[in-house]
N, C-alpha and C. Protein backbone atom coordinates (compact mmCIF):
# COMPACT_ATOMS: atom_id res chain seq x y z
N UNK A 1 155.20 131.35 -89.36
CA UNK A 1 156.52 131.90 -89.63
C UNK A 1 156.53 132.64 -90.97
N UNK A 2 155.90 132.08 -91.97
CA UNK A 2 155.91 132.68 -93.30
C UNK A 2 154.47 132.91 -93.77
N UNK A 3 153.74 133.77 -93.05
CA UNK A 3 152.34 133.97 -93.37
C UNK A 3 152.13 134.49 -94.79
N UNK A 4 153.12 135.14 -95.35
CA UNK A 4 153.00 135.64 -96.71
C UNK A 4 153.41 134.64 -97.77
N UNK A 5 153.94 133.50 -97.37
CA UNK A 5 154.39 132.49 -98.33
C UNK A 5 153.20 131.82 -98.99
N UNK A 6 153.37 131.41 -100.22
CA UNK A 6 152.30 130.76 -100.98
C UNK A 6 151.78 129.52 -100.25
N UNK A 7 152.67 128.75 -99.66
CA UNK A 7 152.27 127.53 -98.96
C UNK A 7 151.33 127.85 -97.81
N UNK A 8 151.62 128.92 -97.08
CA UNK A 8 150.79 129.27 -95.92
C UNK A 8 149.45 129.87 -96.34
N UNK A 9 149.39 130.51 -97.50
CA UNK A 9 148.16 131.20 -97.91
C UNK A 9 147.16 130.26 -98.57
N UNK A 10 147.62 129.19 -99.17
CA UNK A 10 146.73 128.26 -99.85
C UNK A 10 146.53 127.03 -98.95
N UNK A 11 145.32 126.83 -98.42
CA UNK A 11 145.11 125.71 -97.50
C UNK A 11 145.45 124.34 -98.08
N UNK A 12 145.18 124.11 -99.36
CA UNK A 12 145.49 122.81 -99.95
C UNK A 12 147.00 122.59 -100.03
N UNK A 13 147.74 123.61 -100.43
CA UNK A 13 149.19 123.51 -100.50
C UNK A 13 149.78 123.34 -99.10
N UNK A 14 149.21 124.07 -98.16
CA UNK A 14 149.63 123.98 -96.76
C UNK A 14 149.47 122.54 -96.26
N UNK A 15 148.34 121.93 -96.56
CA UNK A 15 148.06 120.54 -96.17
C UNK A 15 149.05 119.57 -96.82
N UNK A 16 149.26 119.74 -98.11
CA UNK A 16 150.16 118.84 -98.84
C UNK A 16 151.58 118.94 -98.28
N UNK A 17 152.02 120.15 -97.98
CA UNK A 17 153.35 120.33 -97.40
C UNK A 17 153.44 119.64 -96.04
N UNK A 18 152.45 119.84 -95.21
CA UNK A 18 152.41 119.21 -93.89
C UNK A 18 152.48 117.69 -94.01
N UNK A 19 151.66 117.14 -94.89
CA UNK A 19 151.65 115.69 -95.07
C UNK A 19 153.00 115.17 -95.57
N UNK A 20 153.68 115.96 -96.40
CA UNK A 20 155.00 115.52 -96.89
C UNK A 20 156.02 115.43 -95.76
N UNK A 21 155.81 116.20 -94.71
CA UNK A 21 156.75 116.19 -93.58
C UNK A 21 156.55 114.99 -92.66
N UNK A 22 155.34 114.43 -92.66
CA UNK A 22 155.09 113.30 -91.75
C UNK A 22 154.93 111.98 -92.49
N UNK A 23 155.36 111.94 -93.72
CA UNK A 23 155.22 110.73 -94.53
C UNK A 23 156.28 109.71 -94.12
N UNK A 24 155.94 108.88 -93.13
CA UNK A 24 156.85 107.86 -92.62
C UNK A 24 156.12 106.51 -92.65
N UNK A 25 156.85 105.41 -92.62
CA UNK A 25 156.22 104.08 -92.77
C UNK A 25 155.06 103.81 -91.81
N UNK A 26 155.19 104.18 -90.55
CA UNK A 26 154.14 103.85 -89.58
C UNK A 26 152.85 104.66 -89.76
N UNK A 27 152.93 105.77 -90.47
CA UNK A 27 151.73 106.60 -90.67
C UNK A 27 151.36 106.71 -92.15
N UNK A 28 152.01 105.92 -92.97
CA UNK A 28 151.81 106.00 -94.42
C UNK A 28 150.34 105.83 -94.82
N UNK A 29 149.64 104.88 -94.20
CA UNK A 29 148.23 104.66 -94.54
C UNK A 29 147.38 105.88 -94.25
N UNK A 30 147.59 106.48 -93.09
CA UNK A 30 146.82 107.68 -92.73
C UNK A 30 147.15 108.83 -93.69
N UNK A 31 148.43 109.01 -93.98
CA UNK A 31 148.86 110.09 -94.87
C UNK A 31 148.26 109.90 -96.27
N UNK A 32 148.31 108.68 -96.80
CA UNK A 32 147.73 108.42 -98.12
C UNK A 32 146.23 108.71 -98.15
N UNK A 33 145.55 108.34 -97.08
CA UNK A 33 144.12 108.61 -96.98
C UNK A 33 143.86 110.12 -97.03
N UNK A 34 144.72 110.90 -96.38
CA UNK A 34 144.55 112.37 -96.38
C UNK A 34 144.86 112.96 -97.75
N UNK A 35 145.86 112.40 -98.44
CA UNK A 35 146.15 112.86 -99.80
C UNK A 35 144.94 112.63 -100.71
N UNK A 36 144.31 111.47 -100.59
CA UNK A 36 143.11 111.19 -101.39
C UNK A 36 141.99 112.16 -101.04
N UNK A 37 141.85 112.44 -99.76
CA UNK A 37 140.84 113.40 -99.31
C UNK A 37 141.12 114.78 -99.90
N UNK A 38 142.39 115.19 -99.92
CA UNK A 38 142.75 116.48 -100.51
C UNK A 38 142.40 116.55 -101.99
N UNK A 39 142.66 115.45 -102.70
CA UNK A 39 142.31 115.41 -104.12
C UNK A 39 140.80 115.55 -104.30
N UNK A 40 140.03 114.90 -103.45
CA UNK A 40 138.57 115.02 -103.52
C UNK A 40 138.13 116.46 -103.24
N UNK A 41 138.74 117.08 -102.25
CA UNK A 41 138.41 118.47 -101.89
C UNK A 41 138.76 119.42 -103.03
N UNK A 42 139.88 119.14 -103.69
CA UNK A 42 140.30 119.98 -104.81
C UNK A 42 139.27 119.90 -105.95
N UNK A 43 138.75 118.70 -106.19
CA UNK A 43 137.76 118.53 -107.25
C UNK A 43 136.38 119.04 -106.84
N UNK A 44 136.02 118.79 -105.56
CA UNK A 44 134.68 119.15 -105.09
C UNK A 44 134.81 119.92 -103.76
N UNK A 45 135.07 121.21 -103.81
CA UNK A 45 135.25 122.00 -102.59
C UNK A 45 134.05 121.95 -101.63
N UNK A 46 132.87 121.63 -102.14
CA UNK A 46 131.67 121.57 -101.30
C UNK A 46 131.73 120.44 -100.28
N UNK A 47 132.72 119.54 -100.40
CA UNK A 47 132.88 118.46 -99.43
C UNK A 47 133.38 118.98 -98.07
N UNK A 48 133.94 120.18 -98.08
CA UNK A 48 134.41 120.77 -96.82
C UNK A 48 133.24 121.24 -95.99
N UNK A 49 133.33 121.10 -94.66
CA UNK A 49 132.27 121.66 -93.81
C UNK A 49 132.15 123.17 -94.02
N UNK A 50 130.96 123.68 -93.90
CA UNK A 50 130.71 125.10 -94.12
C UNK A 50 131.57 125.94 -93.17
N UNK A 51 132.25 126.92 -93.72
CA UNK A 51 133.05 127.85 -92.94
C UNK A 51 134.44 127.35 -92.57
N UNK A 52 134.82 126.17 -93.07
CA UNK A 52 136.15 125.65 -92.75
C UNK A 52 136.94 125.44 -94.03
N UNK A 53 138.26 125.57 -93.90
CA UNK A 53 139.10 125.28 -95.05
C UNK A 53 139.81 123.95 -94.82
N UNK A 54 140.51 123.48 -95.83
CA UNK A 54 141.15 122.17 -95.78
C UNK A 54 142.15 122.08 -94.63
N UNK A 55 142.89 123.15 -94.37
CA UNK A 55 143.89 123.11 -93.31
C UNK A 55 143.25 122.91 -91.94
N UNK A 56 142.17 123.61 -91.67
CA UNK A 56 141.48 123.50 -90.38
C UNK A 56 140.98 122.06 -90.18
N UNK A 57 140.39 121.50 -91.22
CA UNK A 57 139.86 120.13 -91.15
C UNK A 57 141.00 119.13 -90.97
N UNK A 58 142.08 119.27 -91.74
CA UNK A 58 143.20 118.34 -91.63
C UNK A 58 143.85 118.42 -90.25
N UNK A 59 143.98 119.61 -89.72
CA UNK A 59 144.56 119.77 -88.39
C UNK A 59 143.73 119.01 -87.35
N UNK A 60 142.42 119.11 -87.44
CA UNK A 60 141.54 118.39 -86.52
C UNK A 60 141.65 116.88 -86.72
N UNK A 61 141.72 116.45 -87.98
CA UNK A 61 141.88 115.01 -88.26
C UNK A 61 143.18 114.49 -87.66
N UNK A 62 144.24 115.27 -87.79
CA UNK A 62 145.54 114.87 -87.25
C UNK A 62 145.48 114.75 -85.73
N UNK A 63 144.92 115.75 -85.07
CA UNK A 63 144.82 115.72 -83.61
C UNK A 63 143.99 114.53 -83.13
N UNK A 64 142.93 114.22 -83.86
CA UNK A 64 142.09 113.08 -83.50
C UNK A 64 142.83 111.77 -83.70
N UNK A 65 143.51 111.64 -84.82
CA UNK A 65 144.19 110.39 -85.15
C UNK A 65 145.40 110.11 -84.25
N UNK A 66 146.09 111.15 -83.84
CA UNK A 66 147.34 110.95 -83.11
C UNK A 66 147.32 111.53 -81.70
N UNK A 67 146.14 111.59 -81.14
CA UNK A 67 145.98 112.09 -79.78
C UNK A 67 146.62 111.13 -78.80
N UNK A 68 147.34 111.68 -77.83
CA UNK A 68 147.95 110.88 -76.78
C UNK A 68 146.91 110.73 -75.67
N UNK A 69 146.20 109.60 -75.68
CA UNK A 69 145.14 109.38 -74.71
C UNK A 69 145.66 109.25 -73.29
N UNK A 70 146.90 108.89 -73.15
CA UNK A 70 147.48 108.72 -71.82
C UNK A 70 147.97 110.03 -71.23
N UNK A 71 148.03 111.09 -72.03
CA UNK A 71 148.58 112.36 -71.54
C UNK A 71 147.82 112.87 -70.32
N UNK A 72 146.51 112.81 -70.36
CA UNK A 72 145.70 113.30 -69.26
C UNK A 72 145.97 112.50 -67.98
N UNK A 73 146.02 111.19 -68.10
CA UNK A 73 146.26 110.32 -66.95
C UNK A 73 147.66 110.56 -66.38
N UNK A 74 148.64 110.66 -67.27
CA UNK A 74 150.02 110.92 -66.82
C UNK A 74 150.11 112.27 -66.10
N UNK A 75 149.44 113.27 -66.65
CA UNK A 75 149.47 114.60 -66.04
C UNK A 75 148.79 114.58 -64.67
N UNK A 76 147.72 113.80 -64.52
CA UNK A 76 147.05 113.69 -63.21
C UNK A 76 148.00 113.10 -62.18
N UNK A 77 148.73 112.07 -62.58
CA UNK A 77 149.68 111.43 -61.67
C UNK A 77 150.82 112.39 -61.31
N UNK A 78 151.31 113.11 -62.30
CA UNK A 78 152.39 114.07 -62.04
C UNK A 78 151.90 115.21 -61.15
N UNK A 79 150.65 115.61 -61.34
CA UNK A 79 150.07 116.67 -60.52
C UNK A 79 149.97 116.23 -59.06
N UNK A 80 149.58 114.98 -58.83
CA UNK A 80 149.49 114.44 -57.47
C UNK A 80 150.85 114.43 -56.78
N UNK A 81 151.90 114.16 -57.55
CA UNK A 81 153.25 114.04 -56.99
C UNK A 81 154.03 115.36 -56.98
N UNK A 82 153.46 116.41 -57.53
CA UNK A 82 154.18 117.68 -57.67
C UNK A 82 154.52 118.29 -56.31
N UNK A 83 155.76 118.68 -56.15
CA UNK A 83 156.24 119.35 -54.93
C UNK A 83 157.07 120.56 -55.34
N UNK A 84 157.03 121.58 -54.51
CA UNK A 84 157.85 122.76 -54.79
C UNK A 84 159.30 122.43 -54.46
N UNK A 85 160.20 122.85 -55.36
CA UNK A 85 161.62 122.56 -55.18
C UNK A 85 162.38 123.85 -54.84
N UNK A 86 163.17 123.77 -53.82
CA UNK A 86 164.08 124.87 -53.44
C UNK A 86 163.36 126.20 -53.29
N UNK A 87 162.10 126.17 -52.86
CA UNK A 87 161.36 127.40 -52.63
C UNK A 87 161.02 128.19 -53.87
N UNK A 88 161.13 127.57 -55.04
CA UNK A 88 160.84 128.27 -56.30
C UNK A 88 159.33 128.23 -56.57
N UNK A 89 158.62 129.21 -56.01
CA UNK A 89 157.17 129.24 -56.09
C UNK A 89 156.68 129.51 -57.52
N UNK A 90 157.38 130.34 -58.27
CA UNK A 90 156.97 130.64 -59.64
C UNK A 90 156.99 129.39 -60.51
N UNK A 91 158.05 128.61 -60.38
CA UNK A 91 158.16 127.37 -61.15
C UNK A 91 157.06 126.38 -60.74
N UNK A 92 156.78 126.32 -59.44
CA UNK A 92 155.74 125.43 -58.94
C UNK A 92 154.36 125.81 -59.50
N UNK A 93 154.06 127.10 -59.45
CA UNK A 93 152.76 127.58 -59.97
C UNK A 93 152.63 127.29 -61.45
N UNK A 94 153.67 127.57 -62.21
CA UNK A 94 153.66 127.32 -63.65
C UNK A 94 153.45 125.84 -63.95
N UNK A 95 154.18 124.99 -63.25
CA UNK A 95 154.06 123.55 -63.47
C UNK A 95 152.68 123.04 -63.04
N UNK A 96 152.15 123.57 -61.95
CA UNK A 96 150.83 123.18 -61.47
C UNK A 96 149.77 123.52 -62.52
N UNK A 97 149.85 124.73 -63.07
CA UNK A 97 148.88 125.14 -64.10
C UNK A 97 149.02 124.29 -65.37
N UNK A 98 150.25 124.05 -65.79
CA UNK A 98 150.49 123.25 -66.99
C UNK A 98 149.96 121.83 -66.83
N UNK A 99 150.28 121.20 -65.72
CA UNK A 99 149.81 119.84 -65.49
C UNK A 99 148.29 119.81 -65.32
N UNK A 100 147.74 120.83 -64.68
CA UNK A 100 146.29 120.92 -64.54
C UNK A 100 145.60 121.02 -65.88
N UNK A 101 146.17 121.81 -66.78
CA UNK A 101 145.63 121.95 -68.13
C UNK A 101 145.69 120.61 -68.87
N UNK A 102 146.85 119.94 -68.81
CA UNK A 102 147.02 118.66 -69.49
C UNK A 102 146.11 117.58 -68.90
N UNK A 103 145.86 117.67 -67.58
CA UNK A 103 145.01 116.70 -66.90
C UNK A 103 143.53 117.02 -67.08
N UNK A 104 143.27 118.15 -67.73
CA UNK A 104 141.88 118.61 -67.92
C UNK A 104 141.18 118.75 -66.57
N UNK A 105 141.92 119.27 -65.61
CA UNK A 105 141.40 119.42 -64.25
C UNK A 105 140.84 120.82 -64.04
N UNK A 106 139.87 120.91 -63.15
CA UNK A 106 139.31 122.19 -62.74
C UNK A 106 140.21 122.73 -61.63
N UNK A 107 140.99 123.74 -61.94
CA UNK A 107 141.96 124.25 -60.97
C UNK A 107 141.30 124.98 -59.81
N UNK A 108 140.00 125.24 -59.89
CA UNK A 108 139.26 125.85 -58.79
C UNK A 108 138.62 124.80 -57.88
N UNK A 109 138.83 123.53 -58.20
CA UNK A 109 138.30 122.43 -57.40
C UNK A 109 138.94 122.50 -56.01
N UNK A 110 138.12 122.44 -54.94
CA UNK A 110 138.68 122.54 -53.57
C UNK A 110 139.77 121.51 -53.28
N UNK A 111 139.62 120.29 -53.79
CA UNK A 111 140.65 119.26 -53.56
C UNK A 111 141.98 119.71 -54.16
N UNK A 112 141.94 120.21 -55.40
CA UNK A 112 143.19 120.65 -56.05
C UNK A 112 143.76 121.87 -55.36
N UNK A 113 142.90 122.77 -54.90
CA UNK A 113 143.39 123.96 -54.19
C UNK A 113 144.09 123.56 -52.89
N UNK A 114 143.55 122.55 -52.22
CA UNK A 114 144.19 122.05 -51.00
C UNK A 114 145.54 121.43 -51.34
N UNK A 115 145.56 120.65 -52.41
CA UNK A 115 146.82 120.03 -52.85
C UNK A 115 147.83 121.10 -53.23
N UNK A 116 147.36 122.14 -53.91
CA UNK A 116 148.24 123.24 -54.31
C UNK A 116 148.88 123.89 -53.08
N UNK A 117 148.05 124.15 -52.08
CA UNK A 117 148.54 124.81 -50.86
C UNK A 117 149.53 123.90 -50.12
């Protein structure tokens, strides 16, 4: 939204701002650990993987730490139960693709193509 803003241009500031937004009791330990990591990166930039900045690394850490492991299973179940409503084929196709993506399914799989049809 604000690519020209100082916060967006400086990866360390971007990370600190992001962490300030999610600083809640249930995630406080994880957030504090990331703040310490940021301080280490600020002192020793060589700690970052080659070719990555702090924001890229923090984003990956966040996705790993707070990944919804049940999302794929839930999407598979929803995909099995998916039916077209009121002849709205566009909505059905969109939902089928979305659920297939979330389920990490191969949409070219003959079983899924049969189910789609």
